[in-house]
C-alpha atoms as a PDB file:
ATOM      1  CA  MET A   1      31.901 157.000 114.289  1.00  0.00           C
ATOM      2  CA  ARG A   2      29.939 156.530 111.269  1.00  0.00           C
ATOM      3  CA  ARG A   3      28.193 159.854 110.319  1.00  0.00           C
ATOM      4  CA  LEU A   4      25.881 159.531 107.223  1.00  0.00           C
ATOM      5  CA  LYS A   5      24.159 162.655 105.570  1.00  0.00           C
ATOM      6  CA  VAL A   6      20.600 161.958 105.077  1.00  0.00           C
ATOM      7  CA  ARG A   7      19.180 164.166 102.282  1.00  0.00           C
ATOM      8  CA  ARG A   8      16.471 163.962  99.865  1.00  0.00           C
ATOM      9  CA  GLU A   9      15.185 160.324 100.215  1.00  0.00           C
ATOM     10  CA  ILE A  10      12.054 158.739  99.131  1.00  0.00           C
ATOM     11  CA  ALA A  11      10.028 157.565 101.930  1.00  0.00           C
ATOM     12  CA  ILE A  12       7.818 154.641 102.177  1.00  0.00           C
ATOM     13  CA  GLY A  13       4.393 155.741 103.621  1.00  0.00           C
ATOM     14  CA  GLY A  14       2.762 153.965 106.016  1.00  0.00           C
ATOM     15  CA  CYS A  15       6.039 152.169 107.770  1.00  0.00           C
ATOM     16  CA  ALA A  16       5.875 153.211 111.398  1.00  0.00           C
ATOM     17  CA  VAL A  17       9.585 153.971 111.727  1.00  0.00           C
ATOM     18  CA  SER A  18      11.529 152.440 108.987  1.00  0.00           C
ATOM     19  CA  GLU A  19      12.721 153.844 105.315  1.00  0.00           C
ATOM     20  CA  SER A  20      14.265 151.688 102.235  1.00  0.00           C
ATOM     21  CA  ASN A  21      16.765 153.786 101.760  1.00  0.00           C
ATOM     22  CA  GLU A  22      17.869 154.753 105.307  1.00  0.00           C
ATOM     23  CA  PRO A  23      21.900 154.010 105.439  1.00  0.00           C
ATOM     24  CA  VAL A  24      21.116 151.494 108.276  1.00  0.00           C
ATOM     25  CA  HIS A  25      19.699 149.050 106.238  1.00  0.00           C
ATOM     26  CA  THR A  26      22.982 149.100 103.865  1.00  0.00           C
ATOM     27  CA  ARG A  27      24.958 148.759 106.435  1.00  0.00           C
ATOM     28  CA  LEU A  28      22.985 145.744 108.092  1.00  0.00           C
ATOM     29  CA  ALA A  29      23.270 144.107 105.089  1.00  0.00           C
ATOM     30  CA  GLU A  30      27.099 144.661 105.003  1.00  0.00           C
ATOM     31  CA  LEU A  31      27.304 143.191 108.235  1.00  0.00           C
ATOM     32  CA  ALA A  32      25.110 139.934 107.597  1.00  0.00           C
ATOM     33  CA  ALA A  33      26.467 139.094 104.006  1.00  0.00           C
ATOM     34  CA  PRO A  34      29.650 137.575 104.831  1.00  0.00           C
ATOM     35  CA  TYR A  35      27.751 135.087 107.161  1.00  0.00           C
ATOM     36  CA  ALA A  36      24.410 134.676 104.902  1.00  0.00           C
ATOM     37  CA  ARG A  37      25.059 131.104 103.131  1.00  0.00           C
ATOM     38  CA  SER A  38      21.639 129.776 103.185  1.00  0.00           C
ATOM     39  CA  GLN A  39      19.381 131.803 105.436  1.00  0.00           C
ATOM     40  CA  VAL A  40      18.556 135.390 106.833  1.00  0.00           C
ATOM     41  CA  VAL A  41      15.647 135.944 109.203  1.00  0.00           C
ATOM     42  CA  ASP A  42      14.324 139.419 109.812  1.00  0.00           C
ATOM     43  CA  LEU A  43      12.778 140.232 112.371  1.00  0.00           C
ATOM     44  CA  GLY A  44      10.214 142.908 112.648  1.00  0.00           C
ATOM     45  CA  CYS A  45      10.836 143.270 108.854  1.00  0.00           C
ATOM     46  CA  GLY A  46       8.090 145.528 108.151  1.00  0.00           C
ATOM     47  CA  ALA A  47       7.602 146.349 104.295  1.00  0.00           C
ATOM     48  CA  GLY A  48      11.033 144.648 103.671  1.00  0.00           C
ATOM     49  CA  PRO A  49      13.681 147.374 103.660  1.00  0.00           C
ATOM     50  CA  THR A  50      16.585 145.398 104.995  1.00  0.00           C
ATOM     51  CA  LEU A  51      15.693 142.449 103.343  1.00  0.00           C
ATOM     52  CA  ARG A  52      15.837 144.200 100.185  1.00  0.00           C
ATOM     53  CA  ALA A  53      19.353 145.691 101.217  1.00  0.00           C
ATOM     54  CA  VAL A  54      20.726 141.695 101.885  1.00  0.00           C
ATOM     55  CA  SER A  55      19.064 140.766  98.570  1.00  0.00           C
ATOM     56  CA  LYS A  56      21.587 142.818  96.595  1.00  0.00           C
ATOM     57  CA  LEU A  57      24.620 141.253  98.325  1.00  0.00           C
ATOM     58  CA  ALA A  58      23.746 138.342  98.910  1.00  0.00           C
ATOM     59  CA  PRO A  59      21.266 137.074  95.939  1.00  0.00           C
ATOM     60  CA  GLU A  60      20.876 133.319  96.399  1.00  0.00           C
ATOM     61  CA  VAL A  61      20.091 133.020 100.071  1.00  0.00           C
ATOM     62  CA  SER A  62      16.806 132.305 101.735  1.00  0.00           C
ATOM     63  CA  LEU A  63      14.882 135.511 103.049  1.00  0.00           C
ATOM     64  CA  VAL A  64      12.709 135.238 105.649  1.00  0.00           C
ATOM     65  CA  GLY A  65      10.491 138.337 106.901  1.00  0.00           C
ATOM     66  CA  ILE A  66       8.301 137.849 110.295  1.00  0.00           C
ATOM     67  CA  ASP A  67       6.071 140.503 111.271  1.00  0.00           C
ATOM     68  CA  ARG A  68       2.553 140.089 112.555  1.00  0.00           C
ATOM     69  CA  SER A  69       1.359 142.917 110.420  1.00  0.00           C
ATOM     70  CA  GLU A  70      -0.064 141.304 106.926  1.00  0.00           C
ATOM     71  CA  GLU A  71      -0.302 144.875 105.055  1.00  0.00           C
ATOM     72  CA  SER A  72       3.605 145.047 105.923  1.00  0.00           C
ATOM     73  CA  LEU A  73       4.384 141.587 104.996  1.00  0.00           C
ATOM     74  CA  ARG A  74       2.420 141.859 101.385  1.00  0.00           C
ATOM     75  CA  ARG A  75       4.736 144.936 100.959  1.00  0.00           C
ATOM     76  CA  ALA A  76       7.780 142.870 101.732  1.00  0.00           C
ATOM     77  CA  ARG A  77       6.652 140.283  99.138  1.00  0.00           C
ATOM     78  CA  ILE A  78       6.763 142.861  96.250  1.00  0.00           C
ATOM     79  CA  ALA A  79       9.969 144.566  97.485  1.00  0.00           C
ATOM     80  CA  LEU A  80      11.581 140.985  97.144  1.00  0.00           C
ATOM     81  CA  THR A  81       9.821 139.740  93.867  1.00  0.00           C
ATOM     82  CA  LYS A  82      13.131 140.361  92.273  1.00  0.00           C
ATOM     83  CA  HIS A  83      15.106 138.271  94.935  1.00  0.00           C
ATOM     84  CA  SER A  84      16.762 134.989  92.939  1.00  0.00           C
ATOM     85  CA  GLY A  85      16.507 133.326  95.772  1.00  0.00           C
ATOM     86  CA  PRO A  86      13.400 131.539  97.540  1.00  0.00           C
ATOM     87  CA  THR A  87      11.892 134.166  99.910  1.00  0.00           C
ATOM     88  CA  THR A  88       9.468 133.495 102.990  1.00  0.00           C
ATOM     89  CA  GLU A  89       6.859 135.864 104.871  1.00  0.00           C
ATOM     90  CA  ILE A  90       5.141 134.764 108.314  1.00  0.00           C
ATOM     91  CA  VAL A  91       2.948 136.149 110.382  1.00  0.00           C
ATOM     92  CA  ALA A  92       3.723 136.454 114.007  1.00  0.00           C
ATOM     93  CA  ASP A  93       3.979 137.815 117.144  1.00  0.00           C
ATOM     94  CA  LEU A  94       7.533 138.288 118.564  1.00  0.00           C
ATOM     95  CA  SER A  95       6.533 137.705 121.608  1.00  0.00           C
ATOM     96  CA  ASP A  96       5.889 134.171 121.184  1.00  0.00           C
ATOM     97  CA  PRO A  97       8.312 131.618 120.227  1.00  0.00           C
ATOM     98  CA  LEU A  98       9.486 132.173 116.905  1.00  0.00           C
ATOM     99  CA  PRO A  99       8.505 130.230 113.889  1.00  0.00           C
ATOM    100  CA  CYS A 100      11.713 128.785 112.627  1.00  0.00           C
ATOM    101  CA  ALA A 101      13.566 125.585 113.789  1.00  0.00           C
ATOM    102  CA  ASP A 102      16.369 124.981 115.605  1.00  0.00           C
ATOM    103  CA  ALA A 103      19.735 126.367 114.351  1.00  0.00           C
ATOM    104  CA  SER A 104      18.378 127.365 110.923  1.00  0.00           C
ATOM    105  CA  ALA A 105      19.737 130.379 110.298  1.00  0.00           C
ATOM    106  CA  ASP A 106      22.521 132.097 109.591  1.00  0.00           C
ATOM    107  CA  VAL A 107      21.755 135.246 110.702  1.00  0.00           C
ATOM    108  CA  VAL A 108      19.477 136.748 112.649  1.00  0.00           C
ATOM    109  CA  LEU A 109      18.615 140.602 111.681  1.00  0.00           C
ATOM    110  CA  SER A 110      16.327 143.336 113.609  1.00  0.00           C
ATOM    111  CA  TYR A 111      15.749 146.949 113.370  1.00  0.00           C
ATOM    112  CA  ASN A 112      13.452 149.396 115.561  1.00  0.00           C
ATOM    113  CA  THR A 113      11.755 146.834 116.686  1.00  0.00           C
ATOM    114  CA  ILE A 114      13.209 145.198 120.464  1.00  0.00           C
ATOM    115  CA  GLU A 115      12.032 148.082 122.008  1.00  0.00           C
ATOM    116  CA  CYS A 116       8.341 147.314 121.297  1.00  0.00           C
ATOM    117  CA  LEU A 117       8.610 143.790 123.425  1.00  0.00           C
ATOM    118  CA  PRO A 118       7.938 144.182 126.929  1.00  0.00           C
ATOM    119  CA  ASP A 119      10.322 141.045 127.633  1.00  0.00           C
ATOM    120  CA  PRO A 120      13.337 141.696 125.029  1.00  0.00           C
ATOM    121  CA  HIS A 121      15.625 138.978 126.872  1.00  0.00           C
ATOM    122  CA  ARG A 122      12.925 136.379 125.964  1.00  0.00           C
ATOM    123  CA  LEU A 123      13.643 137.310 122.243  1.00  0.00           C
ATOM    124  CA  LEU A 124      17.271 136.998 122.048  1.00  0.00           C
ATOM    125  CA  LEU A 125      17.169 133.487 123.645  1.00  0.00           C
ATOM    126  CA  GLU A 126      14.851 132.584 120.930  1.00  0.00           C
ATOM    127  CA  VAL A 127      17.580 134.117 118.765  1.00  0.00           C
ATOM    128  CA  ALA A 128      19.976 132.087 120.044  1.00  0.00           C
ATOM    129  CA  ARG A 129      17.784 128.804 119.496  1.00  0.00           C
ATOM    130  CA  VAL A 130      17.259 129.746 116.012  1.00  0.00           C
ATOM    131  CA  LEU A 131      20.721 130.385 114.851  1.00  0.00           C
ATOM    132  CA  ARG A 132      23.446 128.074 113.465  1.00  0.00           C
ATOM    133  CA  PRO A 133      26.816 127.490 115.802  1.00  0.00           C
ATOM    134  CA  GLY A 134      28.590 130.555 114.380  1.00  0.00           C
ATOM    135  CA  GLY A 135      25.740 132.298 113.159  1.00  0.00           C
ATOM    136  CA  ARG A 136      25.528 136.040 113.740  1.00  0.00           C
ATOM    137  CA  ALA A 137      22.131 138.206 115.549  1.00  0.00           C
ATOM    138  CA  ILE A 138      22.819 141.650 114.282  1.00  0.00           C
ATOM    139  CA  MET A 139      20.342 144.063 115.766  1.00  0.00           C
ATOM    140  CA  ALA A 140      19.954 147.692 115.408  1.00  0.00           C
ATOM    141  CA  HIS A 141      18.222 150.336 117.132  1.00  0.00           C
ATOM    142  CA  VAL A 142      17.722 154.104 116.726  1.00  0.00           C
ATOM    143  CA  ASP A 143      18.289 155.676 120.199  1.00  0.00           C
ATOM    144  CA  PHE A 144      15.331 158.130 119.972  1.00  0.00           C
ATOM    145  CA  ASP A 145      15.814 159.504 123.470  1.00  0.00           C
ATOM    146  CA  SER A 146      19.207 161.483 121.900  1.00  0.00           C
ATOM    147  CA  MET A 147      17.691 162.687 118.788  1.00  0.00           C
ATOM    148  CA  VAL A 148      18.503 166.437 118.239  1.00  0.00           C
ATOM    149  CA  VAL A 149      15.313 168.718 116.219  1.00  0.00           C
ATOM    150  CA  ALA A 150      16.646 172.555 115.770  1.00  0.00           C
ATOM    151  CA  GLY A 151      13.998 175.055 116.214  1.00  0.00           C
ATOM    152  CA  ALA A 152      11.971 175.346 119.376  1.00  0.00           C
ATOM    153  CA  GLY A 153      12.936 176.277 122.455  1.00  0.00           C
ATOM    154  CA  THR A 154      14.831 174.282 125.182  1.00  0.00           C
ATOM    155  CA  ASP A 155      12.057 173.338 127.511  1.00  0.00           C
ATOM    156  CA  LEU A 156       9.564 172.461 125.008  1.00  0.00           C
ATOM    157  CA  ASP A 157      11.944 170.871 122.305  1.00  0.00           C
ATOM    158  CA  ARG A 158      12.953 168.495 125.290  1.00  0.00           C
ATOM    159  CA  ARG A 159       9.215 167.725 126.369  1.00  0.00           C
ATOM    160  CA  VAL A 160       8.367 166.948 122.872  1.00  0.00           C
ATOM    161  CA  CYS A 161      10.839 164.860 121.651  1.00  0.00           C
ATOM    162  CA  HIS A 162      10.951 162.767 125.167  1.00  0.00           C
ATOM    163  CA  ALA A 163       7.352 162.262 124.969  1.00  0.00           C
ATOM    164  CA  PHE A 164       7.886 160.803 121.362  1.00  0.00           C
ATOM    165  CA  ALA A 165      10.530 158.427 122.406  1.00  0.00           C
ATOM    166  CA  ASP A 166       8.779 157.624 125.965  1.00  0.00           C
ATOM    167  CA  ASP A 167       5.281 157.433 123.749  1.00  0.00           C
ATOM    168  CA  VAL A 168       3.744 153.542 123.332  1.00  0.00           C
ATOM    169  CA  GLN A 169       2.317 154.304 120.334  1.00  0.00           C
ATOM    170  CA  GLY A 170      -1.302 152.261 118.961  1.00  0.00           C
ATOM    171  CA  TRP A 171       0.615 149.171 117.394  1.00  0.00           C
ATOM    172  CA  MET A 172       3.302 148.758 119.973  1.00  0.00           C
ATOM    173  CA  ASP A 173       3.135 146.688 123.134  1.00  0.00           C
ATOM    174  CA  HIS A 174       5.982 148.618 125.093  1.00  0.00           C
ATOM    175  CA  ALA A 175       8.237 151.137 124.480  1.00  0.00           C
ATOM    176  CA  ASP A 176      11.832 151.936 125.148  1.00  0.00           C
ATOM    177  CA  GLY A 177      13.576 155.421 124.032  1.00  0.00           C
ATOM    178  CA  ARG A 178      16.798 154.383 125.114  1.00  0.00           C
ATOM    179  CA  MET A 179      17.206 151.114 123.617  1.00  0.00           C
ATOM    180  CA  GLY A 180      19.585 152.141 121.214  1.00  0.00           C
ATOM    181  CA  ARG A 181      22.319 152.631 123.893  1.00  0.00           C
ATOM    182  CA  LYS A 182      21.061 149.537 125.764  1.00  0.00           C
ATOM    183  CA  LEU A 183      21.305 146.621 123.073  1.00  0.00           C
ATOM    184  CA  GLY A 184      24.909 145.698 123.554  1.00  0.00           C
ATOM    185  CA  MET A 185      24.047 145.185 127.284  1.00  0.00           C
ATOM    186  CA  LEU A 186      21.133 143.162 126.132  1.00  0.00           C
ATOM    187  CA  LEU A 187      23.197 140.964 123.746  1.00  0.00           C
ATOM    188  CA  ALA A 188      26.411 140.433 126.499  1.00  0.00           C
ATOM    189  CA  ARG A 189      23.586 139.097 128.932  1.00  0.00           C
ATOM    190  CA  SER A 190      21.946 136.643 126.582  1.00  0.00           C
ATOM    191  CA  PRO A 191      23.022 133.153 125.324  1.00  0.00           C
ATOM    192  CA  LEU A 192      25.063 135.134 122.716  1.00  0.00           C
ATOM    193  CA  THR A 193      28.712 136.145 122.485  1.00  0.00           C
ATOM    194  CA  LEU A 194      28.815 140.191 122.068  1.00  0.00           C
ATOM    195  CA  VAL A 195      31.258 140.907 118.687  1.00  0.00           C
ATOM    196  CA  SER A 196      30.556 144.491 118.653  1.00  0.00           C
ATOM    197  CA  VAL A 197      28.528 147.397 119.180  1.00  0.00           C
ATOM    198  CA  GLU A 198      29.083 150.355 116.628  1.00  0.00           C
ATOM    199  CA  PRO A 199      26.993 154.025 116.353  1.00  0.00           C
ATOM    200  CA  LEU A 200      25.306 155.451 113.124  1.00  0.00           C
ATOM    201  CA  LEU A 201      24.897 158.599 112.781  1.00  0.00           C
ATOM    202  CA  ALA A 202      21.797 160.218 110.318  1.00  0.00           C
ATOM    203  CA  TRP A 203      21.784 164.045 109.868  1.00  0.00           C
ATOM    204  CA  SER A 204      20.454 166.832 108.043  1.00  0.00           C
ATOM    205  CA  THR A 205      20.379 170.304 107.348  1.00  0.00           C
ATOM    206  CA  GLU A 206      17.345 170.195 105.245  1.00  0.00           C
ATOM    207  CA  PHE A 207      13.541 169.548 106.354  1.00  0.00           C
ATOM    208  CA  SER A 208      13.357 166.559 103.439  1.00  0.00           C
ATOM    209  CA  GLY A 209      13.423 162.889 103.318  1.00  0.00           C
ATOM    210  CA  HIS A 210      14.010 161.098 106.625  1.00  0.00           C
ATOM    211  CA  ALA A 211      14.170 164.307 108.530  1.00  0.00           C
ATOM    212  CA  LYS A 212      10.880 165.296 107.379  1.00  0.00           C
ATOM    213  CA  GLU A 213       9.245 162.042 107.639  1.00  0.00           C
ATOM    214  CA  ARG A 214      10.494 161.507 111.800  1.00  0.00           C
ATOM    215  CA  ILE A 215       9.630 164.792 112.604  1.00  0.00           C
ATOM    216  CA  GLY A 216       5.910 164.541 111.067  1.00  0.00           C
ATOM    217  CA  GLN A 217       5.753 161.231 112.779  1.00  0.00           C
ATOM    218  CA  ILE A 218       6.758 162.721 115.952  1.00  0.00           C
ATOM    219  CA  ARG A 219       3.789 165.203 115.363  1.00  0.00           C
ATOM    220  CA  LYS A 220       1.471 162.566 114.112  1.00  0.00           C
ATOM    221  CA  ALA A 221       2.330 160.423 117.120  1.00  0.00           C
ATOM    222  CA  LEU A 222       1.992 162.763 119.815  1.00  0.00           C
ATOM    223  CA  LEU A 223      -1.412 164.350 118.821  1.00  0.00           C
ATOM    224  CA  SER A 224      -3.077 161.170 118.660  1.00  0.00           C
ATOM    225  CA  ALA A 225      -1.370 160.362 122.186  1.00  0.00           C
ATOM    226  CA  ALA A 226      -3.386 163.635 123.422  1.00  0.00           C
ATOM    227  CA  ARG A 227      -6.537 162.028 121.599  1.00  0.00           C
ATOM    228  CA  HIS A 228      -6.362 159.012 123.639  1.00  0.00           C
ATOM    229  CA  GLY A 229      -5.375 160.375 126.909  1.00  0.00           C
ATOM    230  CA  ARG A 230      -1.762 159.444 126.995  1.00  0.00           C
ATOM    231  CA  ALA A 231       0.011 162.227 126.556  1.00  0.00           C
ATOM    232  CA  SER A 232       2.824 164.932 128.638  1.00  0.00           C
ATOM    233  CA  VAL A 233       2.363 167.668 126.124  1.00  0.00           C
ATOM    234  CA  ASP A 234      -0.883 168.893 124.657  1.00  0.00           C
ATOM    235  CA  PRO A 235      -1.910 169.396 120.936  1.00  0.00           C
ATOM    236  CA  ALA A 236      -0.967 173.269 121.253  1.00  0.00           C
ATOM    237  CA  GLU A 237       2.169 172.708 122.692  1.00  0.00           C
ATOM    238  CA  VAL A 238       3.016 169.718 119.618  1.00  0.00           C
ATOM    239  CA  GLU A 239       1.804 172.352 117.186  1.00  0.00           C
ATOM    240  CA  ALA A 240       3.745 175.000 118.381  1.00  0.00           C
ATOM    241  CA  TRP A 241       6.932 172.912 118.133  1.00  0.00           C
ATOM    242  CA  PHE A 242       6.286 171.915 114.940  1.00  0.00           C
ATOM    243  CA  ALA A 243       5.894 175.438 113.453  1.00  0.00           C
ATOM    244  CA  ALA A 244       9.069 176.593 115.157  1.00  0.00           C
ATOM    245  CA  VAL A 245      10.815 173.916 113.554  1.00  0.00           C
ATOM    246  CA  CYS A 246       9.246 175.037 109.908  1.00  0.00           C
ATOM    247  CA  GLU A 247      10.061 178.649 110.527  1.00  0.00           C
ATOM    248  CA  ALA A 248      14.120 177.075 111.203  1.00  0.00           C
ATOM    249  CA  ASP A 249      13.404 175.624 108.003  1.00  0.00           C
ATOM    250  CA  ARG A 250      12.502 178.870 106.222  1.00  0.00           C
ATOM    251  CA  LEU A 251      15.108 180.832 108.191  1.00  0.00           C
ATOM    252  CA  GLY A 252      18.112 178.487 107.022  1.00  0.00           C
ATOM    253  CA  GLY A 253      18.841 177.139 110.342  1.00  0.00           C
ATOM    254  CA  PHE A 254      17.084 173.326 110.487  1.00  0.00           C
ATOM    255  CA  PHE A 255      18.876 170.771 111.717  1.00  0.00           C
ATOM    256  CA  PHE A 256      18.118 167.135 112.219  1.00  0.00           C
ATOM    257  CA  SER A 257      20.024 164.274 113.648  1.00  0.00           C
ATOM    258  CA  GLU A 258      19.470 160.430 115.075  1.00  0.00           C
ATOM    259  CA  LEU A 259      21.698 158.188 116.615  1.00  0.00           C
ATOM    260  CA  ALA A 260      21.375 154.500 115.669  1.00  0.00           C
ATOM    261  CA  PHE A 261      23.132 151.522 117.283  1.00  0.00           C
ATOM    262  CA  ILE A 262      24.144 148.352 115.743  1.00  0.00           C
ATOM    263  CA  ALA A 263      25.211 145.612 118.015  1.00  0.00           C
ATOM    264  CA  VAL A 264      26.664 142.289 116.540  1.00  0.00           C
ATOM    265  CA  ALA A 265      26.312 138.742 118.639  1.00  0.00           C
ATOM    266  CA  GLU A 266      27.561 135.625 117.755  1.00  0.00           C
ATOM    267  CA  ARG A 267      26.404 131.951 118.754  1.00  0.00           C
ATOM    268  CA  PRO A 268      29.192 130.235 119.921  1.00  0.00           C
ATOM    269  CA  SER A 269      30.696 127.238 117.704  1.00  0.00           C
ATOM    270  CA  GLU A 270      30.983 123.781 118.685  1.00  0.00           C
ATOM    271  CA  GLU A 271      34.407 124.768 118.848  1.00  0.00           C
ATOM    272  CA  GLN A 272      34.185 127.850 120.992  1.00  0.00           C
ATOM    273  CA  LEU A 273      31.842 125.624 123.728  1.00  0.00           C
ATOM    274  CA  ILE A 274      34.543 123.091 124.103  1.00  0.00           C
ATOM    275  CA  SER A 275      37.201 125.848 124.430  1.00  0.00           C
ATOM    276  CA  GLU A 276      34.965 127.530 127.103  1.00  0.00           C
ATOM    277  CA  ASP A 277      34.734 124.199 129.001  1.00  0.00           C
ATOM    278  CA  THR A 278      38.495 124.608 129.950  1.00  0.00           C
ATOM    279  CA  ARG A 279      38.849 128.334 130.384  1.00  0.00           C
ATOM    280  CA  PRO A 280      41.458 129.174 132.616  1.00  0.00           C
ATOM    281  CA  ALA A 281      40.168 130.700 135.938  1.00  0.00           C
ATOM    282  CA  ARG A 282      42.055 133.648 137.657  1.00  0.00           C
ATOM    283  CA  ASP A 283      43.292 131.515 140.581  1.00  0.00           C
ATOM    284  CA  GLY A 284      45.121 128.679 137.849  1.00  0.00           C
ATOM    285  CA  ARG A 285      42.854 126.421 138.020  1.00  0.00           C
ATOM    286  CA  VAL A 286      40.696 125.670 135.110  1.00  0.00           C
ATOM    287  CA  SER A 287      36.943 126.115 135.247  1.00  0.00           C
ATOM    288  CA  ARG A 288      34.664 124.126 133.448  1.00  0.00           C
ATOM    289  CA  ARG A 289      31.179 124.858 132.218  1.00  0.00           C
ATOM    290  CA  ASP A 290      29.192 122.613 134.719  1.00  0.00           C
ATOM    291  CA  GLY A 291      30.598 124.920 137.349  1.00  0.00           C
ATOM    292  CA  ASN A 292      33.208 122.388 138.818  1.00  0.00           C
ATOM    293  CA  GLN A 293      36.956 123.013 138.727  1.00  0.00           C
ATOM    294  CA  ALA A 294      40.196 121.361 137.430  1.00  0.00           C
ATOM    295  CA  SER A 295      43.708 121.570 138.753  1.00  0.00           C
ATOM    296  CA  GLY A 296      45.509 123.840 136.264  1.00  0.00           C
ATOM    297  CA  ARG A 297      49.286 124.508 135.609  1.00  0.00           C
ATOM    298  CA  SER A 298      49.571 126.425 139.360  1.00  0.00           C
ATOM    299  CA  ALA A 299      48.436 123.370 140.840  1.00  0.00           C
ATOM    300  CA  ALA A 300      51.337 121.057 139.780  1.00  0.00           C
ATOM    301  CA  ALA A 301      53.680 122.137 142.481  1.00  0.00           C
END
């Protein structure tokens, strides 16, 4: 498992869950760069931290950011000012068909976005359409239901963290705090071929940087949930939890971790599709993609 200690980062204010210097952006760029020959698309790009990381490794490639927030796209445009290749920012809802041509992208990226969609499989169908044969889908998501924050007592801590994982915030259409661990299966059930799934652990013993930002997001989201009548913990409990976290930091016992999963899948190339058309079946026959069977080697006798 990759383990990266997170210390004293500079967070980008206003982004729902993503920061420019989270290690996950660098890892996504590393996975994308070998396949980024002409175009990389980022779904739910936010302020552009992943695209900026890709730009450092593939400075000439065309970068396309898609998000339904015009403000996020404005910030992404600024973040990519120094990119040598073309950049495009598109306002779109990912619940609709993607505004991309068939077989137009080498790589499609997404981080902490797919849980917000009521029908993630529909998006993956669109990703398969947009990818060129041999292209890669690289999807990453924090598994919010496995987040660890030291400080509060067991019952309160569980209820607060699980409430955050399950909360459908105002800017979300859907929430699934266990999406990180589900990514591999989602891709395996899509038209794409699952290549790999890897974990990436971010952790900190200091109440600063990403850890402080995330805990602040938890507090803000649950207080907002209480104001809008959708909370499973009341404001006094949220504040008691936050006070316990601050006290743990004062005593030197603070700890935070969150686990993300990165799933990589490929659109099969024409050669792979042809090969699969005549893949061996378990009974020795040759099974074709049309469901019919032809005689294999064992039938010769």
